[in-house]
Amino acid sequence: MKDRQFPIILFSLIFALLLWTSVNLGNSFKTQVSVPVRIDRVAENKAIAVPLPDSVHFVIQGTGWQLLKMLLTPDLHYTIDLVSARRSKQIFTMKEIPDHVLIPDGVMILAADPETLHVQLDERIERRVAVVPDISVSYRNGFGIVGHMTAAPESITLSGARSLLERIDVWKTEALELSDINAPIEAQLPLSAKLQFELSRPETLVTVRFDVQPIAERTITDIPIEVLQVPERRNVVLIPPKISVIVRSGVNNVANITRNDFQAYIDYRSILLDTSGLMTVTIIGPDHVQIVQQDPQRIQYVVRK
């Protein structure tokens, strides 16, 4: 007997729920909805010069059925069609919303954010810009990056408004955070999707590589100091004539460097401007090596004819 009653009870509950939902959907409601912006049919020689929002936020009012119909619309967009745009500047206000959004009968737009969209067009050009990885890295204790982070491709071609592209020199990848890194890294990152309406960019992935090694320090001694651009009949005596440095890099790199990998020099023109009798030495070493200390810090000199 109980087995027969269960389907009846279940059917009654479902029927009551549907009846309650139907009655309540007939009432009036307010809600918020975010509608993506879509740009259609921009002339080939034109591009959008001022950044636009990705979406417009509306406060809408209507019956539950009307609001449900709007929210379930499969292609709900704020559409801006620029096929017939003859002016460089176009303004779309809240009064024109029904011309750009498919709104069911009976639904009212009470508020919009932003209330006005300003579309500015400019001549379309192309520009080659460098790719910059947007990577934040923290390393395991005792480890660090060796050399430079590289990106492939190193540059990309952007297409967009002249007034916008002339201010852009680099383009970043999407952001990536890495922590506790203790080994070389290779990662593929998409290009940043910002300015999606304003700029066209390739869909390529960027391969980012950098070497990570245990960090070590080493002292390199007896690097000879050269004096550059010494005129004839002049002789510069340095005290001392050689310098030592403490360098920091990956353990593999530190093990292989010698004094021959460094150049130490003083420019004679700096001596002419000096009044102290002491000069700082400029030291150039391999790109992947950091010079953390030099000894001595300053060099004495004597100029002889």
C-alpha atoms as a PDB file:
ATOM      1  CA  MET A   1       0.000   0.000   0.000  1.00  0.00           C
ATOM      2  CA  LYS A   2       2.833   2.364   0.911  1.00  0.00           C
ATOM      3  CA  ASP A   3       4.591   1.564  -2.391  1.00  0.00           C
ATOM      4  CA  ARG A   4       1.480   2.728  -4.288  1.00  0.00           C
ATOM      5  CA  GLN A   5       1.210   5.964  -2.301  1.00  0.00           C
ATOM      6  CA  PHE A   6       4.811   7.119  -2.998  1.00  0.00           C
ATOM      7  CA  PRO A   7       4.320   7.940  -6.738  1.00  0.00           C
ATOM      8  CA  ILE A   8       1.125   9.826  -5.885  1.00  0.00           C
ATOM      9  CA  ILE A   9       2.858  11.877  -3.211  1.00  0.00           C
ATOM     10  CA  LEU A  10       5.814  12.598  -5.528  1.00  0.00           C
ATOM     11  CA  PHE A  11       3.518  13.671  -8.372  1.00  0.00           C
ATOM     12  CA  SER A  12       1.597  15.935  -5.984  1.00  0.00           C
ATOM     13  CA  LEU A  13       4.783  17.599  -4.779  1.00  0.00           C
ATOM     14  CA  ILE A  14       6.026  18.175  -8.340  1.00  0.00           C
ATOM     15  CA  PHE A  15       2.646  19.553  -9.409  1.00  0.00           C
ATOM     16  CA  ALA A  16       2.550  21.888  -6.393  1.00  0.00           C
ATOM     17  CA  LEU A  17       6.074  23.087  -7.126  1.00  0.00           C
ATOM     18  CA  LEU A  18       5.261  23.770 -10.778  1.00  0.00           C
ATOM     19  CA  LEU A  19       2.071  25.563  -9.793  1.00  0.00           C
ATOM     20  CA  TRP A  20       3.928  27.695  -7.227  1.00  0.00           C
ATOM     21  CA  THR A  21       6.665  28.517  -9.759  1.00  0.00           C
ATOM     22  CA  SER A  22       4.138  29.424 -12.445  1.00  0.00           C
ATOM     23  CA  VAL A  23       2.242  31.764 -10.126  1.00  0.00           C
ATOM     24  CA  ASN A  24       5.380  33.462  -8.854  1.00  0.00           C
ATOM     25  CA  LEU A  25       6.917  33.884 -12.309  1.00  0.00           C
ATOM     26  CA  GLY A  26       3.924  36.018 -13.125  1.00  0.00           C
ATOM     27  CA  ASN A  27       4.989  38.582 -10.539  1.00  0.00           C
ATOM     28  CA  SER A  28       7.236  41.567 -11.314  1.00  0.00           C
ATOM     29  CA  PHE A  29      10.940  41.426 -10.392  1.00  0.00           C
ATOM     30  CA  LYS A  30      14.123  43.476 -10.665  1.00  0.00           C
ATOM     31  CA  THR A  31      17.457  41.880 -11.417  1.00  0.00           C
ATOM     32  CA  GLN A  32      20.896  42.636 -12.823  1.00  0.00           C
ATOM     33  CA  VAL A  33      22.360  41.223 -15.995  1.00  0.00           C
ATOM     34  CA  SER A  34      25.758  41.652 -17.658  1.00  0.00           C
ATOM     35  CA  VAL A  35      25.554  41.775 -21.475  1.00  0.00           C
ATOM     36  CA  PRO A  36      28.767  41.275 -23.523  1.00  0.00           C
ATOM     37  CA  VAL A  37      29.612  43.994 -26.037  1.00  0.00           C
ATOM     38  CA  ARG A  38      30.024  42.892 -29.667  1.00  0.00           C
ATOM     39  CA  ILE A  39      31.480  45.024 -32.477  1.00  0.00           C
ATOM     40  CA  ASP A  40      30.280  44.189 -35.989  1.00  0.00           C
ATOM     41  CA  ARG A  41      31.500  45.159 -39.444  1.00  0.00           C
ATOM     42  CA  VAL A  42      34.229  47.751 -38.900  1.00  0.00           C
ATOM     43  CA  ALA A  43      35.639  49.027 -42.222  1.00  0.00           C
ATOM     44  CA  GLU A  44      38.899  47.266 -43.177  1.00  0.00           C
ATOM     45  CA  ASN A  45      40.937  50.470 -43.112  1.00  0.00           C
ATOM     46  CA  LYS A  46      39.557  51.587 -39.732  1.00  0.00           C
ATOM     47  CA  ALA A  47      40.059  50.458 -36.136  1.00  0.00           C
ATOM     48  CA  ILE A  48      38.721  51.381 -32.709  1.00  0.00           C
ATOM     49  CA  ALA A  49      41.049  53.897 -31.055  1.00  0.00           C
ATOM     50  CA  VAL A  50      39.591  54.195 -27.528  1.00  0.00           C
ATOM     51  CA  PRO A  51      39.228  51.135 -25.242  1.00  0.00           C
ATOM     52  CA  LEU A  52      35.680  49.846 -24.813  1.00  0.00           C
ATOM     53  CA  PRO A  53      34.229  47.840 -21.904  1.00  0.00           C
ATOM     54  CA  ASP A  54      33.860  44.093 -22.412  1.00  0.00           C
ATOM     55  CA  SER A  55      30.246  44.254 -21.237  1.00  0.00           C
ATOM     56  CA  VAL A  56      27.422  46.576 -20.184  1.00  0.00           C
ATOM     57  CA  HIS A  57      25.639  45.988 -16.864  1.00  0.00           C
ATOM     58  CA  PHE A  58      21.864  46.489 -16.774  1.00  0.00           C
ATOM     59  CA  VAL A  59      19.230  46.688 -14.045  1.00  0.00           C
ATOM     60  CA  ILE A  60      16.073  45.273 -15.624  1.00  0.00           C
ATOM     61  CA  GLN A  61      12.458  44.849 -14.511  1.00  0.00           C
ATOM     62  CA  GLY A  62       9.714  42.553 -15.764  1.00  0.00           C
ATOM     63  CA  THR A  63       7.691  39.494 -14.897  1.00  0.00           C
ATOM     64  CA  GLY A  64       9.543  36.346 -14.004  1.00  0.00           C
ATOM     65  CA  TRP A  65       8.610  34.824 -17.364  1.00  0.00           C
ATOM     66  CA  GLN A  66       9.889  37.859 -19.276  1.00  0.00           C
ATOM     67  CA  LEU A  67      13.146  38.010 -17.374  1.00  0.00           C
ATOM     68  CA  LEU A  68      13.676  34.276 -17.760  1.00  0.00           C
ATOM     69  CA  LYS A  69      13.150  34.578 -21.502  1.00  0.00           C
ATOM     70  CA  MET A  70      15.757  37.360 -21.717  1.00  0.00           C
ATOM     71  CA  LEU A  71      18.313  35.569 -19.567  1.00  0.00           C
ATOM     72  CA  LEU A  72      17.939  32.396 -21.640  1.00  0.00           C
ATOM     73  CA  THR A  73      18.404  34.217 -24.952  1.00  0.00           C
ATOM     74  CA  PRO A  74      21.305  32.267 -26.564  1.00  0.00           C
ATOM     75  CA  ASP A  75      22.893  35.264 -28.325  1.00  0.00           C
ATOM     76  CA  LEU A  76      22.372  38.117 -25.900  1.00  0.00           C
ATOM     77  CA  HIS A  77      24.813  40.916 -26.820  1.00  0.00           C
ATOM     78  CA  TYR A  78      25.095  44.682 -26.886  1.00  0.00           C
ATOM     79  CA  THR A  79      25.798  44.876 -30.608  1.00  0.00           C
ATOM     80  CA  ILE A  80      27.443  47.911 -32.213  1.00  0.00           C
ATOM     81  CA  ASP A  81      27.298  47.753 -36.005  1.00  0.00           C
ATOM     82  CA  LEU A  82      29.782  50.143 -37.606  1.00  0.00           C
ATOM     83  CA  VAL A  83      29.221  49.235 -41.246  1.00  0.00           C
ATOM     84  CA  SER A  84      27.768  52.653 -42.054  1.00  0.00           C
ATOM     85  CA  ALA A  85      29.853  54.749 -39.653  1.00  0.00           C
ATOM     86  CA  ARG A  86      30.945  57.871 -41.500  1.00  0.00           C
ATOM     87  CA  ARG A  87      32.233  59.862 -38.550  1.00  0.00           C
ATOM     88  CA  SER A  88      35.336  59.080 -36.519  1.00  0.00           C
ATOM     89  CA  LYS A  89      33.362  59.413 -33.269  1.00  0.00           C
ATOM     90  CA  GLN A  90      30.128  57.575 -32.455  1.00  0.00           C
ATOM     91  CA  ILE A  91      28.097  57.956 -29.234  1.00  0.00           C
ATOM     92  CA  PHE A  92      25.595  55.322 -28.062  1.00  0.00           C
ATOM     93  CA  THR A  93      23.316  56.375 -25.213  1.00  0.00           C
ATOM     94  CA  MET A  94      20.905  54.579 -22.900  1.00  0.00           C
ATOM     95  CA  LYS A  95      17.946  55.686 -25.055  1.00  0.00           C
ATOM     96  CA  GLU A  96      19.326  53.606 -27.933  1.00  0.00           C
ATOM     97  CA  ILE A  97      19.703  50.382 -25.948  1.00  0.00           C
ATOM     98  CA  PRO A  98      16.664  48.697 -27.603  1.00  0.00           C
ATOM     99  CA  ASP A  99      18.431  49.179 -30.956  1.00  0.00           C
ATOM    100  CA  HIS A 100      21.452  47.204 -29.758  1.00  0.00           C
ATOM    101  CA  VAL A 101      20.106  44.576 -27.321  1.00  0.00           C
ATOM    102  CA  LEU A 102      17.419  41.986 -28.019  1.00  0.00           C
ATOM    103  CA  ILE A 103      14.972  42.850 -25.225  1.00  0.00           C
ATOM    104  CA  PRO A 104      11.699  40.853 -24.849  1.00  0.00           C
ATOM    105  CA  ASP A 105       8.440  42.818 -24.825  1.00  0.00           C
ATOM    106  CA  GLY A 106       7.546  44.049 -21.353  1.00  0.00           C
ATOM    107  CA  VAL A 107      11.122  44.133 -19.990  1.00  0.00           C
ATOM    108  CA  MET A 108      12.246  47.606 -18.907  1.00  0.00           C
ATOM    109  CA  ILE A 109      15.851  48.814 -18.652  1.00  0.00           C
ATOM    110  CA  LEU A 110      16.008  50.806 -15.405  1.00  0.00           C
ATOM    111  CA  ALA A 111      19.751  51.562 -15.403  1.00  0.00           C
ATOM    112  CA  ALA A 112      22.883  50.886 -17.437  1.00  0.00           C
ATOM    113  CA  ASP A 113      26.577  50.991 -16.529  1.00  0.00           C
ATOM    114  CA  PRO A 114      28.118  52.622 -18.458  1.00  0.00           C
ATOM    115  CA  GLU A 115      25.183  54.723 -19.625  1.00  0.00           C
ATOM    116  CA  THR A 116      27.050  55.928 -22.715  1.00  0.00           C
ATOM    117  CA  LEU A 117      29.517  54.184 -25.030  1.00  0.00           C
ATOM    118  CA  HIS A 118      31.978  56.357 -26.949  1.00  0.00           C
ATOM    119  CA  VAL A 119      33.356  54.671 -30.070  1.00  0.00           C
ATOM    120  CA  GLN A 120      36.240  56.459 -31.766  1.00  0.00           C
ATOM    121  CA  LEU A 121      37.709  55.262 -35.061  1.00  0.00           C
ATOM    122  CA  ASP A 122      41.156  55.889 -36.527  1.00  0.00           C
ATOM    123  CA  GLU A 123      43.298  54.704 -39.427  1.00  0.00           C
ATOM    124  CA  ARG A 124      44.313  51.020 -39.117  1.00  0.00           C
ATOM    125  CA  ILE A 125      48.052  50.278 -39.216  1.00  0.00           C
ATOM    126  CA  GLU A 126      50.377  47.411 -38.280  1.00  0.00           C
ATOM    127  CA  ARG A 127      53.295  47.525 -35.864  1.00  0.00           C
ATOM    128  CA  ARG A 128      55.884  44.989 -34.729  1.00  0.00           C
ATOM    129  CA  VAL A 129      56.361  44.926 -30.941  1.00  0.00           C
ATOM    130  CA  ALA A 130      58.460  42.875 -28.529  1.00  0.00           C
ATOM    131  CA  VAL A 131      56.896  40.052 -26.504  1.00  0.00           C
ATOM    132  CA  VAL A 132      57.466  40.279 -22.733  1.00  0.00           C
ATOM    133  CA  PRO A 133      56.709  37.280 -20.458  1.00  0.00           C
ATOM    134  CA  ASP A 134      54.543  38.299 -17.497  1.00  0.00           C
ATOM    135  CA  ILE A 135      55.929  35.782 -15.005  1.00  0.00           C
ATOM    136  CA  SER A 136      56.354  36.158 -11.262  1.00  0.00           C
ATOM    137  CA  VAL A 137      58.823  33.624  -9.836  1.00  0.00           C
ATOM    138  CA  SER A 138      59.945  32.713  -6.346  1.00  0.00           C
ATOM    139  CA  TYR A 139      62.844  30.279  -6.050  1.00  0.00           C
ATOM    140  CA  ARG A 140      63.687  27.557  -3.613  1.00  0.00           C
ATOM    141  CA  ASN A 141      66.234  28.667  -1.047  1.00  0.00           C
ATOM    142  CA  GLY A 142      69.696  28.651  -2.608  1.00  0.00           C
ATOM    143  CA  PHE A 143      68.442  28.672  -6.209  1.00  0.00           C
ATOM    144  CA  GLY A 144      67.989  31.484  -8.723  1.00  0.00           C
ATOM    145  CA  ILE A 145      67.693  32.410 -12.387  1.00  0.00           C
ATOM    146  CA  VAL A 146      70.818  32.164 -14.523  1.00  0.00           C
ATOM    147  CA  GLY A 147      71.008  34.327 -17.630  1.00  0.00           C
ATOM    148  CA  HIS A 148      67.919  35.910 -19.110  1.00  0.00           C
ATOM    149  CA  MET A 149      64.334  34.817 -19.611  1.00  0.00           C
ATOM    150  CA  THR A 150      63.656  34.265 -23.311  1.00  0.00           C
ATOM    151  CA  ALA A 151      60.436  34.274 -25.325  1.00  0.00           C
ATOM    152  CA  ALA A 152      59.727  32.651 -28.690  1.00  0.00           C
ATOM    153  CA  PRO A 153      58.524  34.376 -30.742  1.00  0.00           C
ATOM    154  CA  GLU A 154      60.447  37.428 -29.574  1.00  0.00           C
ATOM    155  CA  SER A 155      58.023  39.805 -31.306  1.00  0.00           C
ATOM    156  CA  ILE A 156      54.551  39.882 -32.861  1.00  0.00           C
ATOM    157  CA  THR A 157      52.661  42.080 -35.311  1.00  0.00           C
ATOM    158  CA  LEU A 158      49.723  44.050 -33.924  1.00  0.00           C
ATOM    159  CA  SER A 159      47.043  45.628 -36.087  1.00  0.00           C
ATOM    160  CA  GLY A 160      44.947  48.519 -34.826  1.00  0.00           C
ATOM    161  CA  ALA A 161      44.352  52.245 -34.676  1.00  0.00           C
ATOM    162  CA  ARG A 162      47.386  54.409 -35.390  1.00  0.00           C
ATOM    163  CA  SER A 163      46.808  56.620 -32.329  1.00  0.00           C
ATOM    164  CA  LEU A 164      46.700  53.520 -30.095  1.00  0.00           C
ATOM    165  CA  LEU A 165      49.570  51.510 -31.590  1.00  0.00           C
ATOM    166  CA  GLU A 166      51.985  54.438 -31.533  1.00  0.00           C
ATOM    167  CA  ARG A 167      51.884  54.222 -27.722  1.00  0.00           C
ATOM    168  CA  ILE A 168      52.577  50.472 -27.551  1.00  0.00           C
ATOM    169  CA  ASP A 169      56.155  49.145 -27.637  1.00  0.00           C
ATOM    170  CA  VAL A 170      55.725  45.718 -25.998  1.00  0.00           C
ATOM    171  CA  TRP A 171      52.996  43.128 -25.541  1.00  0.00           C
ATOM    172  CA  LYS A 172      52.820  40.891 -22.478  1.00  0.00           C
ATOM    173  CA  THR A 173      51.769  37.288 -22.139  1.00  0.00           C
ATOM    174  CA  GLU A 174      49.038  36.215 -19.772  1.00  0.00           C
ATOM    175  CA  ALA A 175      50.273  36.320 -16.168  1.00  0.00           C
ATOM    176  CA  LEU A 176      51.835  33.232 -14.593  1.00  0.00           C
ATOM    177  CA  GLU A 177      52.992  32.726 -10.988  1.00  0.00           C
ATOM    178  CA  LEU A 178      55.602  30.094 -10.126  1.00  0.00           C
ATOM    179  CA  SER A 179      56.851  29.229  -6.656  1.00  0.00           C
ATOM    180  CA  ASP A 180      59.585  27.091  -5.068  1.00  0.00           C
ATOM    181  CA  ILE A 181      61.371  26.716  -8.409  1.00  0.00           C
ATOM    182  CA  ASN A 182      64.629  24.718  -8.419  1.00  0.00           C
ATOM    183  CA  ALA A 183      65.003  23.582 -12.047  1.00  0.00           C
ATOM    184  CA  PRO A 184      64.971  25.076 -15.568  1.00  0.00           C
ATOM    185  CA  ILE A 185      61.538  26.222 -16.742  1.00  0.00           C
ATOM    186  CA  GLU A 186      59.819  25.989 -20.123  1.00  0.00           C
ATOM    187  CA  ALA A 187      56.206  27.171 -20.305  1.00  0.00           C
ATOM    188  CA  GLN A 188      53.765  28.029 -23.088  1.00  0.00           C
ATOM    189  CA  LEU A 189      51.643  31.091 -22.450  1.00  0.00           C
ATOM    190  CA  PRO A 190      48.928  32.800 -24.508  1.00  0.00           C
ATOM    191  CA  LEU A 191      49.300  36.453 -25.357  1.00  0.00           C
ATOM    192  CA  SER A 192      47.424  38.909 -23.160  1.00  0.00           C
ATOM    193  CA  ALA A 193      43.814  39.321 -24.331  1.00  0.00           C
ATOM    194  CA  LYS A 194      43.472  42.971 -23.302  1.00  0.00           C
ATOM    195  CA  LEU A 195      42.115  45.459 -25.866  1.00  0.00           C
ATOM    196  CA  GLN A 196      40.231  42.654 -27.620  1.00  0.00           C
ATOM    197  CA  PHE A 197      38.043  45.087 -29.567  1.00  0.00           C
ATOM    198  CA  GLU A 198      40.796  47.525 -30.419  1.00  0.00           C
ATOM    199  CA  LEU A 199      43.734  45.370 -31.552  1.00  0.00           C
ATOM    200  CA  SER A 200      44.216  42.276 -33.679  1.00  0.00           C
ATOM    201  CA  ARG A 201      47.031  39.952 -32.666  1.00  0.00           C
ATOM    202  CA  PRO A 202      48.183  36.429 -33.601  1.00  0.00           C
ATOM    203  CA  GLU A 203      46.750  33.495 -31.673  1.00  0.00           C
ATOM    204  CA  THR A 204      50.170  31.923 -31.245  1.00  0.00           C
ATOM    205  CA  LEU A 205      51.421  30.587 -27.928  1.00  0.00           C
ATOM    206  CA  VAL A 206      54.635  32.044 -26.520  1.00  0.00           C
ATOM    207  CA  THR A 207      57.302  29.606 -25.342  1.00  0.00           C
ATOM    208  CA  VAL A 208      59.105  31.036 -22.314  1.00  0.00           C
ATOM    209  CA  ARG A 209      62.384  29.519 -21.127  1.00  0.00           C
ATOM    210  CA  PHE A 210      64.850  30.319 -18.372  1.00  0.00           C
ATOM    211  CA  ASP A 211      67.556  28.412 -16.551  1.00  0.00           C
ATOM    212  CA  VAL A 212      67.455  27.862 -12.800  1.00  0.00           C
ATOM    213  CA  GLN A 213      70.475  26.540 -10.912  1.00  0.00           C
ATOM    214  CA  PRO A 214      71.859  26.455  -7.385  1.00  0.00           C
ATOM    215  CA  ILE A 215      73.452  29.869  -6.848  1.00  0.00           C
ATOM    216  CA  ALA A 216      77.151  30.046  -5.939  1.00  0.00           C
ATOM    217  CA  GLU A 217      79.723  32.776  -5.429  1.00  0.00           C
ATOM    218  CA  ARG A 218      83.374  32.805  -6.430  1.00  0.00           C
ATOM    219  CA  THR A 219      86.259  35.243  -6.204  1.00  0.00           C
ATOM    220  CA  ILE A 220      88.115  36.042  -9.440  1.00  0.00           C
ATOM    221  CA  THR A 221      91.524  37.616  -8.792  1.00  0.00           C
ATOM    222  CA  ASP A 222      94.163  39.518 -10.747  1.00  0.00           C
ATOM    223  CA  ILE A 223      91.990  41.033 -13.463  1.00  0.00           C
ATOM    224  CA  PRO A 224      94.239  43.566 -15.252  1.00  0.00           C
ATOM    225  CA  ILE A 225      92.981  47.152 -15.449  1.00  0.00           C
ATOM    226  CA  GLU A 226      93.314  49.000 -18.750  1.00  0.00           C
ATOM    227  CA  VAL A 227      93.305  52.779 -19.186  1.00  0.00           C
ATOM    228  CA  LEU A 228      91.497  53.756 -22.386  1.00  0.00           C
ATOM    229  CA  GLN A 229      92.190  56.696 -24.692  1.00  0.00           C
ATOM    230  CA  VAL A 230      95.503  57.686 -23.126  1.00  0.00           C
ATOM    231  CA  PRO A 231      97.084  60.403 -25.310  1.00  0.00           C
ATOM    232  CA  GLU A 232     100.617  60.140 -26.643  1.00  0.00           C
ATOM    233  CA  ARG A 233     103.351  61.238 -24.260  1.00  0.00           C
ATOM    234  CA  ARG A 234     101.199  60.344 -21.282  1.00  0.00           C
ATOM    235  CA  ASN A 235     101.595  57.338 -19.026  1.00  0.00           C
ATOM    236  CA  VAL A 236      99.120  56.359 -16.333  1.00  0.00           C
ATOM    237  CA  VAL A 237     100.331  54.244 -13.432  1.00  0.00           C
ATOM    238  CA  LEU A 238      97.598  52.461 -11.474  1.00  0.00           C
ATOM    239  CA  ILE A 239      97.960  51.436  -7.838  1.00  0.00           C
ATOM    240  CA  PRO A 240      97.191  48.553  -7.798  1.00  0.00           C
ATOM    241  CA  PRO A 241      97.180  47.610 -11.516  1.00  0.00           C
ATOM    242  CA  LYS A 242      94.832  44.674 -10.999  1.00  0.00           C
ATOM    243  CA  ILE A 243      91.457  44.136  -9.357  1.00  0.00           C
ATOM    244  CA  SER A 244      89.494  41.240  -7.858  1.00  0.00           C
ATOM    245  CA  VAL A 245      85.758  40.609  -8.000  1.00  0.00           C
ATOM    246  CA  ILE A 246      83.244  38.382  -6.244  1.00  0.00           C
ATOM    247  CA  VAL A 247      80.729  37.033  -8.751  1.00  0.00           C
ATOM    248  CA  ARG A 248      77.419  35.252  -8.302  1.00  0.00           C
ATOM    249  CA  SER A 249      75.684  32.933 -10.763  1.00  0.00           C
ATOM    250  CA  GLY A 250      74.568  29.353 -11.284  1.00  0.00           C
ATOM    251  CA  VAL A 251      76.968  26.793  -9.898  1.00  0.00           C
ATOM    252  CA  ASN A 252      77.750  25.456 -13.385  1.00  0.00           C
ATOM    253  CA  ASN A 253      78.575  28.908 -14.744  1.00  0.00           C
ATOM    254  CA  VAL A 254      80.694  29.982 -11.773  1.00  0.00           C
ATOM    255  CA  ALA A 255      82.836  26.883 -12.081  1.00  0.00           C
ATOM    256  CA  ASN A 256      83.846  27.680 -15.667  1.00  0.00           C
ATOM    257  CA  ILE A 257      84.640  31.407 -15.628  1.00  0.00           C
ATOM    258  CA  THR A 258      88.165  32.839 -15.507  1.00  0.00           C
ATOM    259  CA  ARG A 259      89.725  36.296 -15.353  1.00  0.00           C
ATOM    260  CA  ASN A 260      89.841  36.271 -19.151  1.00  0.00           C
ATOM    261  CA  ASP A 261      86.017  36.540 -19.167  1.00  0.00           C
ATOM    262  CA  PHE A 262      86.224  40.032 -17.620  1.00  0.00           C
ATOM    263  CA  GLN A 263      87.320  43.439 -18.855  1.00  0.00           C
ATOM    264  CA  ALA A 264      88.318  46.124 -16.347  1.00  0.00           C
ATOM    265  CA  TYR A 265      89.040  49.667 -17.494  1.00  0.00           C
ATOM    266  CA  ILE A 266      89.241  53.360 -16.626  1.00  0.00           C
ATOM    267  CA  ASP A 267      88.583  56.072 -19.188  1.00  0.00           C
ATOM    268  CA  TYR A 268      91.367  58.664 -19.341  1.00  0.00           C
ATOM    269  CA  ARG A 269      88.782  61.416 -19.852  1.00  0.00           C
ATOM    270  CA  SER A 270      87.403  60.618 -16.386  1.00  0.00           C
ATOM    271  CA  ILE A 271      90.881  61.090 -14.933  1.00  0.00           C
ATOM    272  CA  LEU A 272      91.025  64.590 -16.413  1.00  0.00           C
ATOM    273  CA  LEU A 273      87.842  65.501 -14.544  1.00  0.00           C
ATOM    274  CA  ASP A 274      88.889  63.913 -11.263  1.00  0.00           C
ATOM    275  CA  THR A 275      90.274  65.899  -8.323  1.00  0.00           C
ATOM    276  CA  SER A 276      90.493  63.155  -5.694  1.00  0.00           C
ATOM    277  CA  GLY A 277      93.256  60.950  -7.104  1.00  0.00           C
ATOM    278  CA  LEU A 278      90.988  57.909  -6.864  1.00  0.00           C
ATOM    279  CA  MET A 279      89.003  56.313  -9.679  1.00  0.00           C
ATOM    280  CA  THR A 280      86.228  53.727  -9.898  1.00  0.00           C
ATOM    281  CA  VAL A 281      86.925  50.856 -12.270  1.00  0.00           C
ATOM    282  CA  THR A 282      84.310  49.774 -14.810  1.00  0.00           C
ATOM    283  CA  ILE A 283      84.099  45.984 -15.031  1.00  0.00           C
ATOM    284  CA  ILE A 284      82.320  44.065 -17.782  1.00  0.00           C
ATOM    285  CA  GLY A 285      81.682  40.356 -17.350  1.00  0.00           C
ATOM    286  CA  PRO A 286      79.552  37.612 -18.941  1.00  0.00           C
ATOM    287  CA  ASP A 287      75.820  38.320 -19.223  1.00  0.00           C
ATOM    288  CA  HIS A 288      74.886  35.414 -16.986  1.00  0.00           C
ATOM    289  CA  VAL A 289      77.167  36.496 -14.119  1.00  0.00           C
ATOM    290  CA  GLN A 290      76.414  39.125 -11.469  1.00  0.00           C
ATOM    291  CA  ILE A 291      79.300  41.091 -10.008  1.00  0.00           C
ATOM    292  CA  VAL A 292      78.454  41.565  -6.334  1.00  0.00           C
ATOM    293  CA  GLN A 293      81.698  43.084  -5.035  1.00  0.00           C
ATOM    294  CA  GLN A 294      85.032  44.422  -6.284  1.00  0.00           C
ATOM    295  CA  ASP A 295      88.281  44.889  -4.397  1.00  0.00           C
ATOM    296  CA  PRO A 296      89.569  47.530  -4.113  1.00  0.00           C
ATOM    297  CA  GLN A 297      86.529  49.757  -4.583  1.00  0.00           C
ATOM    298  CA  ARG A 298      88.645  52.617  -6.008  1.00  0.00           C
ATOM    299  CA  ILE A 299      92.079  52.762  -7.652  1.00  0.00           C
ATOM    300  CA  GLN A 300      94.850  55.321  -7.147  1.00  0.00           C
ATOM    301  CA  TYR A 301      96.570  56.672 -10.220  1.00  0.00           C
ATOM    302  CA  VAL A 302      99.545  58.759 -11.231  1.00  0.00           C
ATOM    303  CA  VAL A 303      99.801  60.502 -14.606  1.00  0.00           C
ATOM    304  CA  ARG A 304     103.308  60.887 -15.985  1.00  0.00           C
ATOM    305  CA  LYS A 305     104.568  62.663 -19.056  1.00  0.00           C
END
